[in-house]
Amino acid sequence: MQNGDWQSIVPMAIFVVILAGMFWWIVLRPTTRLQRKHRELIGSLQEGDNIVTVGGIYGTITQVREDDIDIEVAPGLSLTFDRRAVRRRQA
């Protein structure tokens, strides 16, 4: 390669690196942050927590097991959900 070839490749390589960094900052970083927060939520679920599922069902946790939870959605009516189905805690 000649000296002129390197001079034209360097700015293009810098541009590609900057684009990759912007993609990471705008797309991947927020996604991983949300995933981490959801894992923390799932790990901290306790009996008595009022929650909302990803399907929009509101209820109170009555039993927590390793992979799933029981949610009381009405007096005497309990449903079993995978722990990952919890969207958020109710305030």
PDB file of N, CA and C in Angstrom:
ATOM      1  N   MET A   1       0.838  -1.181   0.000  1.00  0.00           N
ATOM      2  CA  MET A   1       0.000   0.000   0.000  1.00  0.00           C
ATOM      3  C   MET A   1       0.876   1.233   0.000  1.00  0.00           C
ATOM      4  N   GLN A   2       0.361   2.223  -0.618  1.00  0.00           N
ATOM      5  CA  GLN A   2       1.089   3.476  -0.668  1.00  0.00           C
ATOM      6  C   GLN A   2       0.653   4.361   0.492  1.00  0.00           C
ATOM      7  N   ASN A   3       1.415   5.389   0.737  1.00  0.00           N
ATOM      8  CA  ASN A   3       1.159   6.300   1.844  1.00  0.00           C
ATOM      9  C   ASN A   3      -0.209   6.970   1.694  1.00  0.00           C
ATOM     10  N   GLY A   4      -0.638   7.292   0.503  1.00  0.00           N
ATOM     11  CA  GLY A   4      -1.918   7.948   0.269  1.00  0.00           C
ATOM     12  C   GLY A   4      -3.104   7.059   0.606  1.00  0.00           C
ATOM     13  N   ASP A   5      -2.934   5.738   0.460  1.00  0.00           N
ATOM     14  CA  ASP A   5      -4.019   4.820   0.791  1.00  0.00           C
ATOM     15  C   ASP A   5      -4.358   4.861   2.282  1.00  0.00           C
ATOM     16  N   TRP A   6      -3.354   4.908   3.136  1.00  0.00           N
ATOM     17  CA  TRP A   6      -3.579   4.969   4.583  1.00  0.00           C
ATOM     18  C   TRP A   6      -4.263   6.261   4.986  1.00  0.00           C
ATOM     19  N   GLN A   7      -3.928   7.325   4.321  1.00  0.00           N
ATOM     20  CA  GLN A   7      -4.523   8.620   4.666  1.00  0.00           C
ATOM     21  C   GLN A   7      -6.018   8.656   4.352  1.00  0.00           C
ATOM     22  N   SER A   8      -6.477   7.876   3.392  1.00  0.00           N
ATOM     23  CA  SER A   8      -7.906   7.856   3.087  1.00  0.00           C
ATOM     24  C   SER A   8      -8.670   6.841   3.944  1.00  0.00           C
ATOM     25  N   ILE A   9      -7.989   5.840   4.491  1.00  0.00           N
ATOM     26  CA  ILE A   9      -8.636   4.820   5.310  1.00  0.00           C
ATOM     27  C   ILE A   9      -8.846   5.296   6.743  1.00  0.00           C
ATOM     28  N   VAL A  10      -7.926   6.057   7.288  1.00  0.00           N
ATOM     29  CA  VAL A  10      -7.984   6.478   8.689  1.00  0.00           C
ATOM     30  C   VAL A  10      -9.250   7.284   8.990  1.00  0.00           C
ATOM     31  N   PRO A  11      -9.614   8.318   8.218  1.00  0.00           N
ATOM     32  CA  PRO A  11     -10.846   9.042   8.548  1.00  0.00           C
ATOM     33  C   PRO A  11     -12.094   8.153   8.476  1.00  0.00           C
ATOM     34  N   MET A  12     -12.122   7.223   7.525  1.00  0.00           N
ATOM     35  CA  MET A  12     -13.263   6.324   7.416  1.00  0.00           C
ATOM     36  C   MET A  12     -13.343   5.402   8.629  1.00  0.00           C
ATOM     37  N   ALA A  13     -12.203   4.910   9.081  1.00  0.00           N
ATOM     38  CA  ALA A  13     -12.175   4.032  10.254  1.00  0.00           C
ATOM     39  C   ALA A  13     -12.627   4.792  11.498  1.00  0.00           C
ATOM     40  N   ILE A  14     -12.190   6.026  11.644  1.00  0.00           N
ATOM     41  CA  ILE A  14     -12.614   6.848  12.782  1.00  0.00           C
ATOM     42  C   ILE A  14     -14.122   7.061  12.741  1.00  0.00           C
ATOM     43  N   PHE A  15     -14.660   7.321  11.551  1.00  0.00           N
ATOM     44  CA  PHE A  15     -16.093   7.521  11.381  1.00  0.00           C
ATOM     45  C   PHE A  15     -16.874   6.268  11.786  1.00  0.00           C
ATOM     46  N   VAL A  16     -16.403   5.100  11.396  1.00  0.00           N
ATOM     47  CA  VAL A  16     -17.071   3.841  11.741  1.00  0.00           C
ATOM     48  C   VAL A  16     -17.038   3.618  13.256  1.00  0.00           C
ATOM     49  N   VAL A  17     -15.910   3.905  13.880  1.00  0.00           N
ATOM     50  CA  VAL A  17     -15.791   3.753  15.335  1.00  0.00           C
ATOM     51  C   VAL A  17     -16.752   4.703  16.045  1.00  0.00           C
ATOM     52  N   ILE A  18     -16.850   5.930  15.575  1.00  0.00           N
ATOM     53  CA  ILE A  18     -17.775   6.897  16.178  1.00  0.00           C
ATOM     54  C   ILE A  18     -19.220   6.430  16.014  1.00  0.00           C
ATOM     55  N   LEU A  19     -19.582   5.917  14.837  1.00  0.00           N
ATOM     56  CA  LEU A  19     -20.940   5.406  14.626  1.00  0.00           C
ATOM     57  C   LEU A  19     -21.244   4.229  15.551  1.00  0.00           C
ATOM     58  N   ALA A  20     -20.291   3.332  15.714  1.00  0.00           N
ATOM     59  CA  ALA A  20     -20.487   2.188  16.603  1.00  0.00           C
ATOM     60  C   ALA A  20     -20.680   2.658  18.045  1.00  0.00           C
ATOM     61  N   GLY A  21     -19.910   3.647  18.458  1.00  0.00           N
ATOM     62  CA  GLY A  21     -20.057   4.206  19.807  1.00  0.00           C
ATOM     63  C   GLY A  21     -21.408   4.863  20.008  1.00  0.00           C
ATOM     64  N   MET A  22     -21.868   5.592  19.005  1.00  0.00           N
ATOM     65  CA  MET A  22     -23.193   6.227  19.099  1.00  0.00           C
ATOM     66  C   MET A  22     -24.296   5.174  19.165  1.00  0.00           C
ATOM     67  N   PHE A  23     -24.180   4.111  18.374  1.00  0.00           N
ATOM     68  CA  PHE A  23     -25.159   3.033  18.409  1.00  0.00           C
ATOM     69  C   PHE A  23     -25.214   2.413  19.797  1.00  0.00           C
ATOM     70  N   TRP A  24     -24.056   2.146  20.375  1.00  0.00           N
ATOM     71  CA  TRP A  24     -24.012   1.577  21.717  1.00  0.00           C
ATOM     72  C   TRP A  24     -24.674   2.515  22.709  1.00  0.00           C
ATOM     73  N   TRP A  25     -24.355   3.809  22.651  1.00  0.00           N
ATOM     74  CA  TRP A  25     -24.850   4.794  23.609  1.00  0.00           C
ATOM     75  C   TRP A  25     -26.362   4.986  23.490  1.00  0.00           C
ATOM     76  N   ILE A  26     -26.878   4.984  22.258  1.00  0.00           N
ATOM     77  CA  ILE A  26     -28.293   5.290  22.042  1.00  0.00           C
ATOM     78  C   ILE A  26     -29.178   4.046  22.155  1.00  0.00           C
ATOM     79  N   VAL A  27     -28.711   2.884  21.701  1.00  0.00           N
ATOM     80  CA  VAL A  27     -29.568   1.700  21.637  1.00  0.00           C
ATOM     81  C   VAL A  27     -29.236   0.677  22.722  1.00  0.00           C
ATOM     82  N   LEU A  28     -28.022   0.218  22.786  1.00  0.00           N
ATOM     83  CA  LEU A  28     -27.679  -0.901  23.657  1.00  0.00           C
ATOM     84  C   LEU A  28     -27.620  -0.533  25.137  1.00  0.00           C
ATOM     85  N   ARG A  29     -27.087   0.603  25.465  1.00  0.00           N
ATOM     86  CA  ARG A  29     -26.935   1.004  26.865  1.00  0.00           C
ATOM     87  C   ARG A  29     -28.279   1.116  27.575  1.00  0.00           C
ATOM     88  N   PRO A  30     -29.271   1.836  27.024  1.00  0.00           N
ATOM     89  CA  PRO A  30     -30.571   1.894  27.707  1.00  0.00           C
ATOM     90  C   PRO A  30     -31.253   0.529  27.823  1.00  0.00           C
ATOM     91  N   THR A  31     -31.099  -0.305  26.818  1.00  0.00           N
ATOM     92  CA  THR A  31     -31.717  -1.630  26.847  1.00  0.00           C
ATOM     93  C   THR A  31     -31.134  -2.474  27.971  1.00  0.00           C
ATOM     94  N   THR A  32     -29.826  -2.488  28.101  1.00  0.00           N
ATOM     95  CA  THR A  32     -29.205  -3.277  29.167  1.00  0.00           C
ATOM     96  C   THR A  32     -29.562  -2.705  30.540  1.00  0.00           C
ATOM     97  N   ARG A  33     -29.719  -1.400  30.646  1.00  0.00           N
ATOM     98  CA  ARG A  33     -30.110  -0.779  31.918  1.00  0.00           C
ATOM     99  C   ARG A  33     -31.516  -1.245  32.317  1.00  0.00           C
ATOM    100  N   LEU A  34     -32.456  -1.266  31.361  1.00  0.00           N
ATOM    101  CA  LEU A  34     -33.810  -1.724  31.650  1.00  0.00           C
ATOM    102  C   LEU A  34     -33.833  -3.200  32.025  1.00  0.00           C
ATOM    103  N   GLN A  35     -33.035  -4.007  31.346  1.00  0.00           N
ATOM    104  CA  GLN A  35     -32.967  -5.432  31.673  1.00  0.00           C
ATOM    105  C   GLN A  35     -32.438  -5.645  33.082  1.00  0.00           C
ATOM    106  N   ARG A  36     -31.437  -4.866  33.466  1.00  0.00           N
ATOM    107  CA  ARG A  36     -30.866  -4.987  34.814  1.00  0.00           C
ATOM    108  C   ARG A  36     -31.903  -4.599  35.865  1.00  0.00           C
ATOM    109  N   LYS A  37     -32.650  -3.518  35.625  1.00  0.00           N
ATOM    110  CA  LYS A  37     -33.666  -3.085  36.579  1.00  0.00           C
ATOM    111  C   LYS A  37     -34.762  -4.138  36.716  1.00  0.00           C
ATOM    112  N   HIS A  38     -35.154  -4.775  35.608  1.00  0.00           N
ATOM    113  CA  HIS A  38     -36.194  -5.800  35.665  1.00  0.00           C
ATOM    114  C   HIS A  38     -35.708  -7.026  36.428  1.00  0.00           C
ATOM    115  N   ARG A  39     -34.448  -7.423  36.210  1.00  0.00           N
ATOM    116  CA  ARG A  39     -33.887  -8.553  36.978  1.00  0.00           C
ATOM    117  C   ARG A  39     -33.884  -8.244  38.466  1.00  0.00           C
ATOM    118  N   GLU A  40     -33.540  -6.999  38.841  1.00  0.00           N
ATOM    119  CA  GLU A  40     -33.545  -6.606  40.251  1.00  0.00           C
ATOM    120  C   GLU A  40     -34.957  -6.660  40.821  1.00  0.00           C
ATOM    121  N   LEU A  41     -35.947  -6.203  40.048  1.00  0.00           N
ATOM    122  CA  LEU A  41     -37.335  -6.247  40.490  1.00  0.00           C
ATOM    123  C   LEU A  41     -37.770  -7.687  40.726  1.00  0.00           C
ATOM    124  N   ILE A  42     -37.499  -8.561  39.778  1.00  0.00           N
ATOM    125  CA  ILE A  42     -37.903  -9.960  39.890  1.00  0.00           C
ATOM    126  C   ILE A  42     -37.241 -10.619  41.103  1.00  0.00           C
ATOM    127  N   GLY A  43     -35.995 -10.292  41.349  1.00  0.00           N
ATOM    128  CA  GLY A  43     -35.281 -10.875  42.484  1.00  0.00           C
ATOM    129  C   GLY A  43     -35.753 -10.367  43.828  1.00  0.00           C
ATOM    130  N   SER A  44     -36.409  -9.205  43.872  1.00  0.00           N
ATOM    131  CA  SER A  44     -36.806  -8.619  45.147  1.00  0.00           C
ATOM    132  C   SER A  44     -38.290  -8.793  45.463  1.00  0.00           C
ATOM    133  N   LEU A  45     -39.017  -9.587  44.676  1.00  0.00           N
ATOM    134  CA  LEU A  45     -40.446  -9.788  44.921  1.00  0.00           C
ATOM    135  C   LEU A  45     -40.668 -10.507  46.240  1.00  0.00           C
ATOM    136  N   GLN A  46     -41.681 -10.025  46.992  1.00  0.00           N
ATOM    137  CA  GLN A  46     -42.008 -10.619  48.282  1.00  0.00           C
ATOM    138  C   GLN A  46     -43.511 -10.771  48.404  1.00  0.00           C
ATOM    139  N   GLU A  47     -43.932 -11.657  49.293  1.00  0.00           N
ATOM    140  CA  GLU A  47     -45.357 -11.809  49.564  1.00  0.00           C
ATOM    141  C   GLU A  47     -45.907 -10.489  50.080  1.00  0.00           C
ATOM    142  N   GLY A  48     -47.089 -10.135  49.606  1.00  0.00           N
ATOM    143  CA  GLY A  48     -47.729  -8.893  50.023  1.00  0.00           C
ATOM    144  C   GLY A  48     -47.490  -7.725  49.075  1.00  0.00           C
ATOM    145  N   ASP A  49     -46.561  -7.868  48.130  1.00  0.00           N
ATOM    146  CA  ASP A  49     -46.311  -6.801  47.155  1.00  0.00           C
ATOM    147  C   ASP A  49     -47.496  -6.685  46.205  1.00  0.00           C
ATOM    148  N   ASN A  50     -47.921  -5.466  45.948  1.00  0.00           N
ATOM    149  CA  ASN A  50     -48.935  -5.207  44.928  1.00  0.00           C
ATOM    150  C   ASN A  50     -48.215  -4.991  43.612  1.00  0.00           C
ATOM    151  N   ILE A  51     -48.595  -5.766  42.589  1.00  0.00           N
ATOM    152  CA  ILE A  51     -47.870  -5.733  41.323  1.00  0.00           C
ATOM    153  C   ILE A  51     -48.819  -5.623  40.143  1.00  0.00           C
ATOM    154  N   VAL A  52     -48.234  -5.342  38.982  1.00  0.00           N
ATOM    155  CA  VAL A  52     -48.939  -5.357  37.709  1.00  0.00           C
ATOM    156  C   VAL A  52     -48.154  -6.288  36.794  1.00  0.00           C
ATOM    157  N   THR A  53     -48.856  -7.192  36.113  1.00  0.00           N
ATOM    158  CA  THR A  53     -48.185  -8.123  35.203  1.00  0.00           C
ATOM    159  C   THR A  53     -48.051  -7.482  33.822  1.00  0.00           C
ATOM    160  N   VAL A  54     -47.299  -8.128  32.943  1.00  0.00           N
ATOM    161  CA  VAL A  54     -47.144  -7.626  31.580  1.00  0.00           C
ATOM    162  C   VAL A  54     -48.459  -7.676  30.820  1.00  0.00           C
ATOM    163  N   GLY A  55     -49.400  -8.487  31.269  1.00  0.00           N
ATOM    164  CA  GLY A  55     -50.719  -8.562  30.650  1.00  0.00           C
ATOM    165  C   GLY A  55     -51.701  -7.549  31.213  1.00  0.00           C
ATOM    166  N   GLY A  56     -51.254  -6.755  32.196  1.00  0.00           N
ATOM    167  CA  GLY A  56     -52.110  -5.717  32.765  1.00  0.00           C
ATOM    168  C   GLY A  56     -52.972  -6.182  33.917  1.00  0.00           C
ATOM    169  N   ILE A  57     -52.652  -7.333  34.494  1.00  0.00           N
ATOM    170  CA  ILE A  57     -53.420  -7.848  35.626  1.00  0.00           C
ATOM    171  C   ILE A  57     -52.828  -7.301  36.923  1.00  0.00           C
ATOM    172  N   TYR A  58     -53.704  -6.702  37.739  1.00  0.00           N
ATOM    173  CA  TYR A  58     -53.300  -6.158  39.027  1.00  0.00           C
ATOM    174  C   TYR A  58     -53.573  -7.192  40.102  1.00  0.00           C
ATOM    175  N   GLY A  59     -52.679  -7.303  41.078  1.00  0.00           N
ATOM    176  CA  GLY A  59     -52.905  -8.255  42.156  1.00  0.00           C
ATOM    177  C   GLY A  59     -51.873  -8.130  43.251  1.00  0.00           C
ATOM    178  N   THR A  60     -52.047  -8.965  44.259  1.00  0.00           N
ATOM    179  CA  THR A  60     -51.153  -9.004  45.406  1.00  0.00           C
ATOM    180  C   THR A  60     -50.490 -10.368  45.452  1.00  0.00           C
ATOM    181  N   ILE A  61     -49.183 -10.385  45.627  1.00  0.00           N
ATOM    182  CA  ILE A  61     -48.442 -11.643  45.676  1.00  0.00           C
ATOM    183  C   ILE A  61     -48.779 -12.373  46.971  1.00  0.00           C
ATOM    184  N   THR A  62     -49.197 -13.635  46.836  1.00  0.00           N
ATOM    185  CA  THR A  62     -49.507 -14.442  48.013  1.00  0.00           C
ATOM    186  C   THR A  62     -48.448 -15.505  48.290  1.00  0.00           C
ATOM    187  N   GLN A  63     -47.728 -15.904  47.244  1.00  0.00           N
ATOM    188  CA  GLN A  63     -46.669 -16.892  47.448  1.00  0.00           C
ATOM    189  C   GLN A  63     -45.593 -16.693  46.390  1.00  0.00           C
ATOM    190  N   VAL A  64     -44.336 -16.765  46.825  1.00  0.00           N
ATOM    191  CA  VAL A  64     -43.193 -16.616  45.921  1.00  0.00           C
ATOM    192  C   VAL A  64     -42.420 -17.926  45.928  1.00  0.00           C
ATOM    193  N   ARG A  65     -42.210 -18.476  44.732  1.00  0.00           N
ATOM    194  CA  ARG A  65     -41.388 -19.660  44.575  1.00  0.00           C
ATOM    195  C   ARG A  65     -40.200 -19.306  43.687  1.00  0.00           C
ATOM    196  N   GLU A  66     -39.383 -20.287  43.398  1.00  0.00           N
ATOM    197  CA  GLU A  66     -38.162 -20.030  42.630  1.00  0.00           C
ATOM    198  C   GLU A  66     -38.449 -19.460  41.245  1.00  0.00           C
ATOM    199  N   ASP A  67     -39.365 -20.079  40.506  1.00  0.00           N
ATOM    200  CA  ASP A  67     -39.619 -19.656  39.128  1.00  0.00           C
ATOM    201  C   ASP A  67     -40.958 -18.974  38.916  1.00  0.00           C
ATOM    202  N   ASP A  68     -41.892 -19.115  39.864  1.00  0.00           N
ATOM    203  CA  ASP A  68     -43.199 -18.512  39.653  1.00  0.00           C
ATOM    204  C   ASP A  68     -43.746 -17.934  40.952  1.00  0.00           C
ATOM    205  N   ILE A  69     -44.867 -17.220  40.808  1.00  0.00           N
ATOM    206  CA  ILE A  69     -45.511 -16.582  41.946  1.00  0.00           C
ATOM    207  C   ILE A  69     -47.012 -16.787  41.836  1.00  0.00           C
ATOM    208  N   ASP A  70     -47.687 -16.738  42.975  1.00  0.00           N
ATOM    209  CA  ASP A  70     -49.143 -16.753  43.014  1.00  0.00           C
ATOM    210  C   ASP A  70     -49.603 -15.340  43.314  1.00  0.00           C
ATOM    211  N   ILE A  71     -50.605 -14.901  42.556  1.00  0.00           N
ATOM    212  CA  ILE A  71     -51.125 -13.542  42.712  1.00  0.00           C
ATOM    213  C   ILE A  71     -52.615 -13.628  42.998  1.00  0.00           C
ATOM    214  N   GLU A  72     -53.049 -12.969  44.061  1.00  0.00           N
ATOM    215  CA  GLU A  72     -54.469 -12.881  44.356  1.00  0.00           C
ATOM    216  C   GLU A  72     -55.025 -11.673  43.608  1.00  0.00           C
ATOM    217  N   VAL A  73     -55.931 -11.934  42.662  1.00  0.00           N
ATOM    218  CA  VAL A  73     -56.478 -10.868  41.832  1.00  0.00           C
ATOM    219  C   VAL A  73     -57.864 -10.438  42.300  1.00  0.00           C
ATOM    220  N   ALA A  74     -58.523 -11.267  43.078  1.00  0.00           N
ATOM    221  CA  ALA A  74     -59.818 -10.974  43.692  1.00  0.00           C
ATOM    222  C   ALA A  74     -59.890 -11.822  44.955  1.00  0.00           C
ATOM    223  N   PRO A  75     -60.736 -11.472  45.901  1.00  0.00           N
ATOM    224  CA  PRO A  75     -60.837 -12.283  47.118  1.00  0.00           C
ATOM    225  C   PRO A  75     -61.136 -13.745  46.788  1.00  0.00           C
ATOM    226  N   GLY A  76     -60.234 -14.614  47.168  1.00  0.00           N
ATOM    227  CA  GLY A  76     -60.392 -16.041  46.944  1.00  0.00           C
ATOM    228  C   GLY A  76     -59.981 -16.523  45.561  1.00  0.00           C
ATOM    229  N   LEU A  77     -59.523 -15.628  44.690  1.00  0.00           N
ATOM    230  CA  LEU A  77     -59.111 -16.020  43.337  1.00  0.00           C
ATOM    231  C   LEU A  77     -57.617 -15.750  43.168  1.00  0.00           C
ATOM    232  N   SER A  78     -56.852 -16.832  43.027  1.00  0.00           N
ATOM    233  CA  SER A  78     -55.404 -16.728  42.917  1.00  0.00           C
ATOM    234  C   SER A  78     -54.950 -17.306  41.580  1.00  0.00           C
ATOM    235  N   LEU A  79     -54.019 -16.628  40.932  1.00  0.00           N
ATOM    236  CA  LEU A  79     -53.461 -17.074  39.657  1.00  0.00           C
ATOM    237  C   LEU A  79     -51.961 -17.280  39.815  1.00  0.00           C
ATOM    238  N   THR A  80     -51.415 -18.213  39.039  1.00  0.00           N
ATOM    239  CA  THR A  80     -49.984 -18.479  39.067  1.00  0.00           C
ATOM    240  C   THR A  80     -49.343 -17.892  37.820  1.00  0.00           C
ATOM    241  N   PHE A  81     -48.254 -17.149  38.006  1.00  0.00           N
ATOM    242  CA  PHE A  81     -47.526 -16.514  36.915  1.00  0.00           C
ATOM    243  C   PHE A  81     -46.044 -16.824  37.031  1.00  0.00           C
ATOM    244  N   ASP A  82     -45.379 -16.826  35.906  1.00  0.00           N
ATOM    245  CA  ASP A  82     -43.923 -16.862  35.888  1.00  0.00           C
ATOM    246  C   ASP A  82     -43.438 -15.545  36.487  1.00  0.00           C
ATOM    247  N   ARG A  83     -42.359 -15.581  37.234  1.00  0.00           N
ATOM    248  CA  ARG A  83     -41.854 -14.355  37.872  1.00  0.00           C
ATOM    249  C   ARG A  83     -41.523 -13.270  36.855  1.00  0.00           C
ATOM    250  N   ARG A  84     -41.084 -13.687  35.660  1.00  0.00           N
ATOM    251  CA  ARG A  84     -40.719 -12.709  34.641  1.00  0.00           C
ATOM    252  C   ARG A  84     -41.919 -11.970  34.079  1.00  0.00           C
ATOM    253  N   ALA A  85     -43.145 -12.407  34.405  1.00  0.00           N
ATOM    254  CA  ALA A  85     -44.351 -11.758  33.913  1.00  0.00           C
ATOM    255  C   ALA A  85     -44.686 -10.495  34.696  1.00  0.00           C
ATOM    256  N   VAL A  86     -43.957 -10.200  35.751  1.00  0.00           N
ATOM    257  CA  VAL A  86     -44.203  -8.997  36.535  1.00  0.00           C
ATOM    258  C   VAL A  86     -43.605  -7.790  35.813  1.00  0.00           C
ATOM    259  N   ARG A  87     -44.435  -6.802  35.553  1.00  0.00           N
ATOM    260  CA  ARG A  87     -43.946  -5.587  34.886  1.00  0.00           C
ATOM    261  C   ARG A  87     -43.418  -4.586  35.905  1.00  0.00           C
ATOM    262  N   ARG A  88     -44.222  -4.356  36.960  1.00  0.00           N
ATOM    263  CA  ARG A  88     -43.789  -3.354  37.947  1.00  0.00           C
ATOM    264  C   ARG A  88     -44.547  -3.541  39.259  1.00  0.00           C
ATOM    265  N   ARG A  89     -44.034  -2.887  40.296  1.00  0.00           N
ATOM    266  CA  ARG A  89     -44.732  -2.809  41.569  1.00  0.00           C
ATOM    267  C   ARG A  89     -45.720  -1.659  41.503  1.00  0.00           C
ATOM    268  N   GLN A  90     -46.845  -1.848  42.150  1.00  0.00           N
ATOM    269  CA  GLN A  90     -47.814  -0.763  42.254  1.00  0.00           C
ATOM    270  C   GLN A  90     -47.385   0.145  43.377  1.00  0.00           C
ATOM    271  N   ALA A  91     -47.549   1.413  43.179  1.00  0.00           N
ATOM    272  CA  ALA A  91     -47.181   2.379  44.221  1.00  0.00           C
ATOM    273  C   ALA A  91     -48.229   2.457  45.299  1.00  0.00           C
TER     274      ALA A  91
END
